[in-house]
All heavy atoms as atom14 arrays in JSON, in Angstrom:
{
  "sequence": "HKKVPVLVHGNKPIAESLVILEYIDETWKHQYPLLPQDP",
  "atom14_mask": [
    [1, 1, 1, 1, 1, 1, 1, 1, 1, 1, 0, 0, 0, 0],
    [1, 1, 1, 1, 1, 1, 1, 1, 1, 0, 0, 0, 0, 0],
    [1, 1, 1, 1, 1, 1, 1, 1, 1, 0, 0, 0, 0, 0],
    [1, 1, 1, 1, 1, 1, 1, 0, 0, 0, 0, 0, 0, 0],
    [1, 1, 1, 1, 1, 1, 1, 0, 0, 0, 0, 0, 0, 0],
    [1, 1, 1, 1, 1, 1, 1, 0, 0, 0, 0, 0, 0, 0],
    [1, 1, 1, 1, 1, 1, 1, 1, 0, 0, 0, 0, 0, 0],
    [1, 1, 1, 1, 1, 1, 1, 0, 0, 0, 0, 0, 0, 0],
    [1, 1, 1, 1, 1, 1, 1, 1, 1, 1, 0, 0, 0, 0],
    [1, 1, 1, 1, 0, 0, 0, 0, 0, 0, 0, 0, 0, 0],
    [1, 1, 1, 1, 1, 1, 1, 1, 0, 0, 0, 0, 0, 0],
    [1, 1, 1, 1, 1, 1, 1, 1, 1, 0, 0, 0, 0, 0],
    [1, 1, 1, 1, 1, 1, 1, 0, 0, 0, 0, 0, 0, 0],
    [1, 1, 1, 1, 1, 1, 1, 1, 0, 0, 0, 0, 0, 0],
    [1, 1, 1, 1, 1, 0, 0, 0, 0, 0, 0, 0, 0, 0],
    [1, 1, 1, 1, 1, 1, 1, 1, 1, 0, 0, 0, 0, 0],
    [1, 1, 1, 1, 1, 1, 0, 0, 0, 0, 0, 0, 0, 0],
    [1, 1, 1, 1, 1, 1, 1, 1, 0, 0, 0, 0, 0, 0],
    [1, 1, 1, 1, 1, 1, 1, 0, 0, 0, 0, 0, 0, 0],
    [1, 1, 1, 1, 1, 1, 1, 1, 0, 0, 0, 0, 0, 0],
    [1, 1, 1, 1, 1, 1, 1, 1, 0, 0, 0, 0, 0, 0],
    [1, 1, 1, 1, 1, 1, 1, 1, 1, 0, 0, 0, 0, 0],
    [1, 1, 1, 1, 1, 1, 1, 1, 1, 1, 1, 1, 0, 0],
    [1, 1, 1, 1, 1, 1, 1, 1, 0, 0, 0, 0, 0, 0],
    [1, 1, 1, 1, 1, 1, 1, 1, 0, 0, 0, 0, 0, 0],
    [1, 1, 1, 1, 1, 1, 1, 1, 1, 0, 0, 0, 0, 0],
    [1, 1, 1, 1, 1, 1, 1, 0, 0, 0, 0, 0, 0, 0],
    [1, 1, 1, 1, 1, 1, 1, 1, 1, 1, 1, 1, 1, 1],
    [1, 1, 1, 1, 1, 1, 1, 1, 1, 0, 0, 0, 0, 0],
    [1, 1, 1, 1, 1, 1, 1, 1, 1, 1, 0, 0, 0, 0],
    [1, 1, 1, 1, 1, 1, 1, 1, 1, 0, 0, 0, 0, 0],
    [1, 1, 1, 1, 1, 1, 1, 1, 1, 1, 1, 1, 0, 0],
    [1, 1, 1, 1, 1, 1, 1, 0, 0, 0, 0, 0, 0, 0],
    [1, 1, 1, 1, 1, 1, 1, 1, 0, 0, 0, 0, 0, 0],
    [1, 1, 1, 1, 1, 1, 1, 1, 0, 0, 0, 0, 0, 0],
    [1, 1, 1, 1, 1, 1, 1, 0, 0, 0, 0, 0, 0, 0],
    [1, 1, 1, 1, 1, 1, 1, 1, 1, 0, 0, 0, 0, 0],
    [1, 1, 1, 1, 1, 1, 1, 1, 0, 0, 0, 0, 0, 0],
    [1, 1, 1, 1, 1, 1, 1, 0, 0, 0, 0, 0, 0, 0]
  ],
  "atom14_positions": [
    [[0.79, -1.23, 0.01], [0.04, -0.05, -0.07], [0.8, 1.2, -0.03], [0.27, 2.36, -0.31], [-1.02, 0.04, 1.19], [-1.99, -1.03, 1.15], [-2.89, -1.27, 0.03], [-2.33, -2.01, 2.06], [-3.67, -2.23, 0.32], [-3.38, -2.77, 1.47], [0.0, 0.0, 0.0], [0.0, 0.0, 0.0], [0.0, 0.0, 0.0], [0.0, 0.0, 0.0]],
    [[2.09, 1.13, 0.48], [3.04, 2.31, 0.46], [2.42, 3.34, 1.35], [2.58, 4.64, 1.01], [3.32, 2.86, -0.94], [3.9, 1.77, -1.93], [4.15, 2.47, -3.26], [4.7, 1.36, -4.11], [3.93, 0.14, -4.47], [0.0, 0.0, 0.0], [0.0, 0.0, 0.0], [0.0, 0.0, 0.0], [0.0, 0.0, 0.0], [0.0, 0.0, 0.0]],
    [[1.75, 3.04, 2.49], [1.15, 4.02, 3.34], [1.6, 3.89, 4.8], [1.9, 2.78, 5.22], [-0.37, 3.83, 3.27], [-1.0, 4.23, 1.95], [-2.52, 4.08, 2.0], [-3.22, 4.4, 0.72], [-4.65, 4.18, 0.73], [0.0, 0.0, 0.0], [0.0, 0.0, 0.0], [0.0, 0.0, 0.0], [0.0, 0.0, 0.0], [0.0, 0.0, 0.0]],
    [[1.36, 4.89, 5.59], [1.49, 4.85, 7.06], [0.13, 4.57, 7.55], [-0.85, 4.86, 6.9], [2.16, 6.19, 7.58], [3.59, 6.28, 7.2], [1.28, 7.34, 7.14], [0.0, 0.0, 0.0], [0.0, 0.0, 0.0], [0.0, 0.0, 0.0], [0.0, 0.0, 0.0], [0.0, 0.0, 0.0], [0.0, 0.0, 0.0], [0.0, 0.0, 0.0]],
    [[0.07, 4.02, 8.74], [1.11, 3.68, 9.75], [1.76, 2.35, 9.4], [1.07, 1.5, 8.79], [0.48, 3.58, 11.01], [-1.01, 3.12, 10.63], [-1.28, 3.79, 9.33], [0.0, 0.0, 0.0], [0.0, 0.0, 0.0], [0.0, 0.0, 0.0], [0.0, 0.0, 0.0], [0.0, 0.0, 0.0], [0.0, 0.0, 0.0], [0.0, 0.0, 0.0]],
    [[3.02, 2.24, 9.72], [3.61, 0.87, 9.77], [4.3, 0.67, 11.11], [5.06, 1.49, 11.55], [4.66, 0.72, 8.65], [5.4, -0.66, 8.76], [4.18, 0.89, 7.22], [0.0, 0.0, 0.0], [0.0, 0.0, 0.0], [0.0, 0.0, 0.0], [0.0, 0.0, 0.0], [0.0, 0.0, 0.0], [0.0, 0.0, 0.0], [0.0, 0.0, 0.0]],
    [[4.0, -0.44, 11.75], [4.59, -0.77, 13.01], [5.73, -1.81, 12.79], [5.47, -2.79, 12.02], [3.6, -1.41, 13.98], [4.12, -1.72, 15.36], [4.13, -0.44, 16.31], [3.33, -2.76, 16.1], [0.0, 0.0, 0.0], [0.0, 0.0, 0.0], [0.0, 0.0, 0.0], [0.0, 0.0, 0.0], [0.0, 0.0, 0.0], [0.0, 0.0, 0.0]],
    [[6.88, -1.56, 13.28], [8.01, -2.55, 13.09], [8.32, -3.06, 14.49], [8.73, -2.3, 15.37], [9.24, -1.94, 12.47], [10.26, -2.99, 12.29], [8.9, -1.2, 11.12], [0.0, 0.0, 0.0], [0.0, 0.0, 0.0], [0.0, 0.0, 0.0], [0.0, 0.0, 0.0], [0.0, 0.0, 0.0], [0.0, 0.0, 0.0], [0.0, 0.0, 0.0]],
    [[8.1, -4.38, 14.65], [8.32, -4.99, 15.98], [9.49, -5.98, 15.8], [9.3, -7.03, 15.12], [7.18, -5.7, 16.46], [7.2, -6.35, 17.89], [6.48, -7.35, 18.37], [8.13, -6.01, 18.87], [6.92, -7.68, 19.59], [7.85, -6.75, 19.97], [0.0, 0.0, 0.0], [0.0, 0.0, 0.0], [0.0, 0.0, 0.0], [0.0, 0.0, 0.0]],
    [[10.67, -5.73, 16.4], [11.83, -6.54, 15.98], [12.19, -6.17, 14.57], [12.41, -5.1, 14.19], [0.0, 0.0, 0.0], [0.0, 0.0, 0.0], [0.0, 0.0, 0.0], [0.0, 0.0, 0.0], [0.0, 0.0, 0.0], [0.0, 0.0, 0.0], [0.0, 0.0, 0.0], [0.0, 0.0, 0.0], [0.0, 0.0, 0.0], [0.0, 0.0, 0.0]],
    [[12.16, -7.18, 13.67], [12.33, -6.88, 12.29], [11.13, -7.16, 11.51], [11.2, -7.16, 10.27], [13.52, -7.79, 11.75], [14.84, -7.35, 12.33], [15.24, -6.3, 12.43], [15.6, -8.4, 12.83], [0.0, 0.0, 0.0], [0.0, 0.0, 0.0], [0.0, 0.0, 0.0], [0.0, 0.0, 0.0], [0.0, 0.0, 0.0], [0.0, 0.0, 0.0]],
    [[9.97, -7.27, 12.16], [8.69, -7.59, 11.48], [7.78, -6.37, 11.25], [7.36, -5.79, 12.21], [7.86, -8.61, 12.29], [8.68, -9.93, 12.51], [7.73, -10.91, 13.27], [7.25, -10.52, 14.64], [8.28, -10.68, 15.7], [0.0, 0.0, 0.0], [0.0, 0.0, 0.0], [0.0, 0.0, 0.0], [0.0, 0.0, 0.0], [0.0, 0.0, 0.0]],
    [[7.61, -5.95, 10.0], [6.74, -4.87, 9.73], [5.23, -5.3, 9.62], [4.91, -6.26, 9.12], [7.26, -4.32, 8.41], [7.78, -5.57, 7.69], [8.25, -6.52, 8.8], [0.0, 0.0, 0.0], [0.0, 0.0, 0.0], [0.0, 0.0, 0.0], [0.0, 0.0, 0.0], [0.0, 0.0, 0.0], [0.0, 0.0, 0.0], [0.0, 0.0, 0.0]],
    [[4.29, -4.5, 10.19], [2.88, -4.77, 10.15], [2.2, -3.49, 9.67], [2.57, -2.37, 10.16], [2.33, -5.1, 11.5], [3.07, -6.4, 12.14], [0.81, -5.49, 11.42], [3.87, -5.97, 13.3], [0.0, 0.0, 0.0], [0.0, 0.0, 0.0], [0.0, 0.0, 0.0], [0.0, 0.0, 0.0], [0.0, 0.0, 0.0], [0.0, 0.0, 0.0]],
    [[1.41, -3.63, 8.6], [0.75, -2.39, 8.12], [-0.76, -2.34, 8.34], [-1.24, -3.43, 8.78], [0.93, -2.36, 6.57], [0.0, 0.0, 0.0], [0.0, 0.0, 0.0], [0.0, 0.0, 0.0], [0.0, 0.0, 0.0], [0.0, 0.0, 0.0], [0.0, 0.0, 0.0], [0.0, 0.0, 0.0], [0.0, 0.0, 0.0], [0.0, 0.0, 0.0]],
    [[-1.48, -1.27, 8.06], [-2.92, -1.09, 8.22], [-3.25, -0.95, 9.76], [-3.04, -1.82, 10.55], [-3.66, -2.19, 7.58], [-3.53, -2.29, 6.12], [-4.06, -1.16, 5.5], [-5.27, -0.79, 5.61], [-3.27, -0.44, 4.72], [0.0, 0.0, 0.0], [0.0, 0.0, 0.0], [0.0, 0.0, 0.0], [0.0, 0.0, 0.0], [0.0, 0.0, 0.0]],
    [[-3.82, 0.18, 10.06], [-3.95, 0.61, 11.45], [-4.64, -0.45, 12.31], [-4.27, -0.74, 13.48], [-4.72, 1.96, 11.55], [-5.97, 1.99, 11.1], [0.0, 0.0, 0.0], [0.0, 0.0, 0.0], [0.0, 0.0, 0.0], [0.0, 0.0, 0.0], [0.0, 0.0, 0.0], [0.0, 0.0, 0.0], [0.0, 0.0, 0.0], [0.0, 0.0, 0.0]],
    [[-5.88, -0.91, 11.77], [-6.75, -1.87, 12.61], [-5.97, -3.22, 12.7], [-6.14, -3.82, 13.77], [-8.11, -2.07, 11.95], [-8.87, -0.78, 11.85], [-10.22, -0.98, 11.11], [-9.22, -0.23, 13.28], [0.0, 0.0, 0.0], [0.0, 0.0, 0.0], [0.0, 0.0, 0.0], [0.0, 0.0, 0.0], [0.0, 0.0, 0.0], [0.0, 0.0, 0.0]],
    [[-5.21, -3.61, 11.67], [-4.38, -4.91, 11.86], [-3.36, -4.7, 12.86], [-3.11, -5.55, 13.72], [-3.77, -5.21, 10.4], [-2.88, -6.41, 10.61], [-4.95, -5.45, 9.35], [0.0, 0.0, 0.0], [0.0, 0.0, 0.0], [0.0, 0.0, 0.0], [0.0, 0.0, 0.0], [0.0, 0.0, 0.0], [0.0, 0.0, 0.0], [0.0, 0.0, 0.0]],
    [[-2.75, -3.5, 12.87], [-1.77, -3.21, 13.86], [-2.29, -3.22, 15.34], [-1.73, -3.69, 16.24], [-1.04, -1.84, 13.57], [-0.28, -1.89, 12.27], [-0.11, -1.37, 14.66], [0.25, -0.5, 11.77], [0.0, 0.0, 0.0], [0.0, 0.0, 0.0], [0.0, 0.0, 0.0], [0.0, 0.0, 0.0], [0.0, 0.0, 0.0], [0.0, 0.0, 0.0]],
    [[-3.5, -2.54, 15.46], [-4.15, -2.53, 16.77], [-4.34, -3.91, 17.34], [-4.08, -4.23, 18.5], [-5.49, -1.82, 16.75], [-5.42, -0.23, 16.54], [-6.85, 0.27, 16.67], [-4.49, 0.42, 17.45], [0.0, 0.0, 0.0], [0.0, 0.0, 0.0], [0.0, 0.0, 0.0], [0.0, 0.0, 0.0], [0.0, 0.0, 0.0], [0.0, 0.0, 0.0]],
    [[-4.82, -4.85, 16.49], [-5.03, -6.22, 16.89], [-3.76, -6.91, 17.26], [-3.64, -7.68, 18.21], [-5.94, -6.97, 15.94], [-7.3, -6.49, 15.65], [-8.31, -7.45, 15.46], [-8.04, -8.66, 15.86], [-9.4, -7.19, 14.94], [0.0, 0.0, 0.0], [0.0, 0.0, 0.0], [0.0, 0.0, 0.0], [0.0, 0.0, 0.0], [0.0, 0.0, 0.0]],
    [[-2.72, -6.61, 16.51], [-1.38, -7.19, 16.8], [-0.91, -6.71, 18.13], [-0.4, -7.52, 18.93], [-0.46, -6.85, 15.66], [1.0, -7.32, 15.89], [1.36, -8.63, 15.53], [1.95, -6.46, 16.58], [2.63, -9.14, 15.86], [3.18, -6.99, 16.8], [3.57, -8.18, 16.42], [4.82, -8.73, 16.76], [0.0, 0.0, 0.0], [0.0, 0.0, 0.0]],
    [[-1.0, -5.44, 18.33], [-0.5, -4.87, 19.62], [-1.42, -5.49, 20.77], [-0.75, -5.8, 21.82], [-0.68, -3.34, 19.61], [0.22, -2.69, 18.64], [-0.58, -2.78, 21.03], [0.0, -1.17, 18.41], [0.0, 0.0, 0.0], [0.0, 0.0, 0.0], [0.0, 0.0, 0.0], [0.0, 0.0, 0.0], [0.0, 0.0, 0.0], [0.0, 0.0, 0.0]],
    [[-2.65, -5.65, 20.53], [-3.46, -6.18, 21.74], [-3.08, -7.67, 22.03], [-3.15, -8.12, 23.08], [-4.93, -6.09, 21.23], [-5.82, -6.1, 22.55], [-5.41, -5.6, 23.54], [-7.02, -6.45, 22.38], [0.0, 0.0, 0.0], [0.0, 0.0, 0.0], [0.0, 0.0, 0.0], [0.0, 0.0, 0.0], [0.0, 0.0, 0.0], [0.0, 0.0, 0.0]],
    [[-2.79, -8.43, 20.9], [-2.41, -9.87, 21.13], [-1.06, -9.95, 21.61], [-0.76, -10.93, 22.42], [-2.61, -10.56, 19.84], [-4.08, -10.75, 19.42], [-4.27, -11.22, 18.05], [-3.25, -11.76, 17.36], [-5.35, -11.26, 17.46], [0.0, 0.0, 0.0], [0.0, 0.0, 0.0], [0.0, 0.0, 0.0], [0.0, 0.0, 0.0], [0.0, 0.0, 0.0]],
    [[-0.13, -9.14, 21.17], [1.25, -9.23, 21.68], [1.53, -8.91, 23.08], [2.21, -9.45, 23.81], [2.19, -8.38, 20.68], [2.03, -8.85, 19.26], [3.61, -8.56, 21.06], [0.0, 0.0, 0.0], [0.0, 0.0, 0.0], [0.0, 0.0, 0.0], [0.0, 0.0, 0.0], [0.0, 0.0, 0.0], [0.0, 0.0, 0.0], [0.0, 0.0, 0.0]],
    [[0.81, -7.79, 23.5], [0.92, -7.27, 24.9], [-0.4, -7.47, 25.51], [-1.0, -6.54, 25.97], [1.35, -5.86, 24.92], [2.75, -5.66, 24.37], [3.95, -5.74, 25.18], [3.23, -5.35, 23.14], [5.08, -5.53, 24.38], [4.66, -5.26, 23.14], [2.5, -5.03, 21.89], [5.41, -4.91, 21.93], [3.3, -4.76, 20.78], [4.66, -4.71, 20.82]],
    [[-0.9, -8.79, 25.51], [-2.31, -9.04, 25.88], [-2.63, -8.8, 27.36], [-3.75, -8.47, 27.66], [-2.66, -10.46, 25.48], [-1.81, -11.49, 26.18], [-2.44, -13.0, 25.89], [-2.18, -13.23, 24.4], [-2.61, -14.61, 24.08], [0.0, 0.0, 0.0], [0.0, 0.0, 0.0], [0.0, 0.0, 0.0], [0.0, 0.0, 0.0], [0.0, 0.0, 0.0]],
    [[-1.65, -8.84, 28.22], [-1.86, -8.59, 29.65], [-1.76, -7.22, 30.11], [-2.05, -6.84, 31.23], [-0.97, -9.56, 30.5], [-1.14, -10.97, 30.21], [-2.31, -11.62, 30.29], [-0.23, -11.85, 29.71], [-2.18, -12.91, 29.99], [-0.92, -13.09, 29.55], [0.0, 0.0, 0.0], [0.0, 0.0, 0.0], [0.0, 0.0, 0.0], [0.0, 0.0, 0.0]],
    [[-1.3, -6.36, 29.21], [-1.13, -5.0, 29.48], [-2.33, -4.16, 28.88], [-2.4, -3.89, 27.62], [0.13, -4.42, 28.95], [1.38, -5.02, 29.56], [2.67, -4.78, 28.74], [3.44, -5.75, 28.42], [2.88, -3.58, 28.3], [0.0, 0.0, 0.0], [0.0, 0.0, 0.0], [0.0, 0.0, 0.0], [0.0, 0.0, 0.0], [0.0, 0.0, 0.0]],
    [[-3.39, -3.95, 29.79], [-4.46, -3.21, 29.31], [-5.2, -3.78, 28.03], [-5.02, -3.23, 26.99], [-4.15, -1.72, 29.1], [-5.31, -0.8, 29.1], [-5.51, 0.11, 30.2], [-6.13, -0.69, 28.06], [-6.67, 0.9, 30.16], [-7.3, 0.21, 28.05], [-7.53, 1.0, 29.14], [-8.52, 1.86, 29.1], [0.0, 0.0, 0.0], [0.0, 0.0, 0.0]],
    [[-6.0, -4.87, 28.19], [-6.61, -5.45, 27.04], [-7.56, -4.45, 26.38], [-8.3, -3.73, 27.1], [-7.4, -6.65, 27.67], [-6.67, -6.9, 28.96], [-6.25, -5.6, 29.43], [0.0, 0.0, 0.0], [0.0, 0.0, 0.0], [0.0, 0.0, 0.0], [0.0, 0.0, 0.0], [0.0, 0.0, 0.0], [0.0, 0.0, 0.0], [0.0, 0.0, 0.0]],
    [[-7.53, -4.42, 25.06], [-8.32, -3.48, 24.33], [-9.59, -4.03, 23.75], [-10.66, -3.46, 23.94], [-7.51, -2.87, 23.15], [-6.27, -2.0, 23.59], [-5.41, -1.66, 22.29], [-6.64, -0.75, 24.37], [0.0, 0.0, 0.0], [0.0, 0.0, 0.0], [0.0, 0.0, 0.0], [0.0, 0.0, 0.0], [0.0, 0.0, 0.0], [0.0, 0.0, 0.0]],
    [[-9.52, -5.11, 23.15], [-10.71, -5.86, 22.65], [-11.39, -6.58, 23.68], [-10.81, -7.17, 24.6], [-10.36, -6.85, 21.52], [-10.3, -6.36, 20.03], [-9.68, -7.39, 19.18], [-11.63, -5.95, 19.58], [0.0, 0.0, 0.0], [0.0, 0.0, 0.0], [0.0, 0.0, 0.0], [0.0, 0.0, 0.0], [0.0, 0.0, 0.0], [0.0, 0.0, 0.0]],
    [[-12.75, -6.78, 23.64], [-13.56, -7.41, 24.63], [-13.12, -8.94, 24.56], [-12.73, -9.43, 23.62], [-14.93, -7.25, 24.17], [-15.01, -6.09, 23.36], [-13.64, -6.02, 22.64], [0.0, 0.0, 0.0], [0.0, 0.0, 0.0], [0.0, 0.0, 0.0], [0.0, 0.0, 0.0], [0.0, 0.0, 0.0], [0.0, 0.0, 0.0], [0.0, 0.0, 0.0]],
    [[-13.3, -9.57, 25.74], [-12.93, -11.03, 25.88], [-14.02, -11.88, 25.15], [-13.7, -12.92, 24.58], [-12.75, -11.41, 27.29], [-11.61, -10.68, 27.97], [-10.26, -10.89, 27.23], [-9.75, -11.99, 27.11], [-9.7, -9.84, 26.82], [0.0, 0.0, 0.0], [0.0, 0.0, 0.0], [0.0, 0.0, 0.0], [0.0, 0.0, 0.0], [0.0, 0.0, 0.0]],
    [[-15.24, -11.44, 25.24], [-16.38, -12.22, 24.67], [-16.37, -12.23, 23.16], [-16.21, -11.09, 22.6], [-17.63, -11.67, 25.15], [-18.78, -12.38, 24.62], [-19.06, -13.62, 25.06], [-19.62, -11.91, 23.7], [0.0, 0.0, 0.0], [0.0, 0.0, 0.0], [0.0, 0.0, 0.0], [0.0, 0.0, 0.0], [0.0, 0.0, 0.0], [0.0, 0.0, 0.0]],
    [[-16.37, -13.4, 22.46], [-16.27, -13.48, 20.95], [-17.33, -12.55, 20.27], [-17.06, -11.91, 19.33], [-16.47, -14.85, 20.72], [-15.98, -15.61, 21.9], [-16.4, -14.72, 23.05], [0.0, 0.0, 0.0], [0.0, 0.0, 0.0], [0.0, 0.0, 0.0], [0.0, 0.0, 0.0], [0.0, 0.0, 0.0], [0.0, 0.0, 0.0], [0.0, 0.0, 0.0]]
  ]
}
């Protein structure tokens, strides 16, 4: 897409803001959970 935002964690780039948000929530899942627990 050649667009921002891009999150780089270690050497892994992740694009698209909502995809990044879910990645952040899953990676740091015990630090202030963002998504509800109920499916």
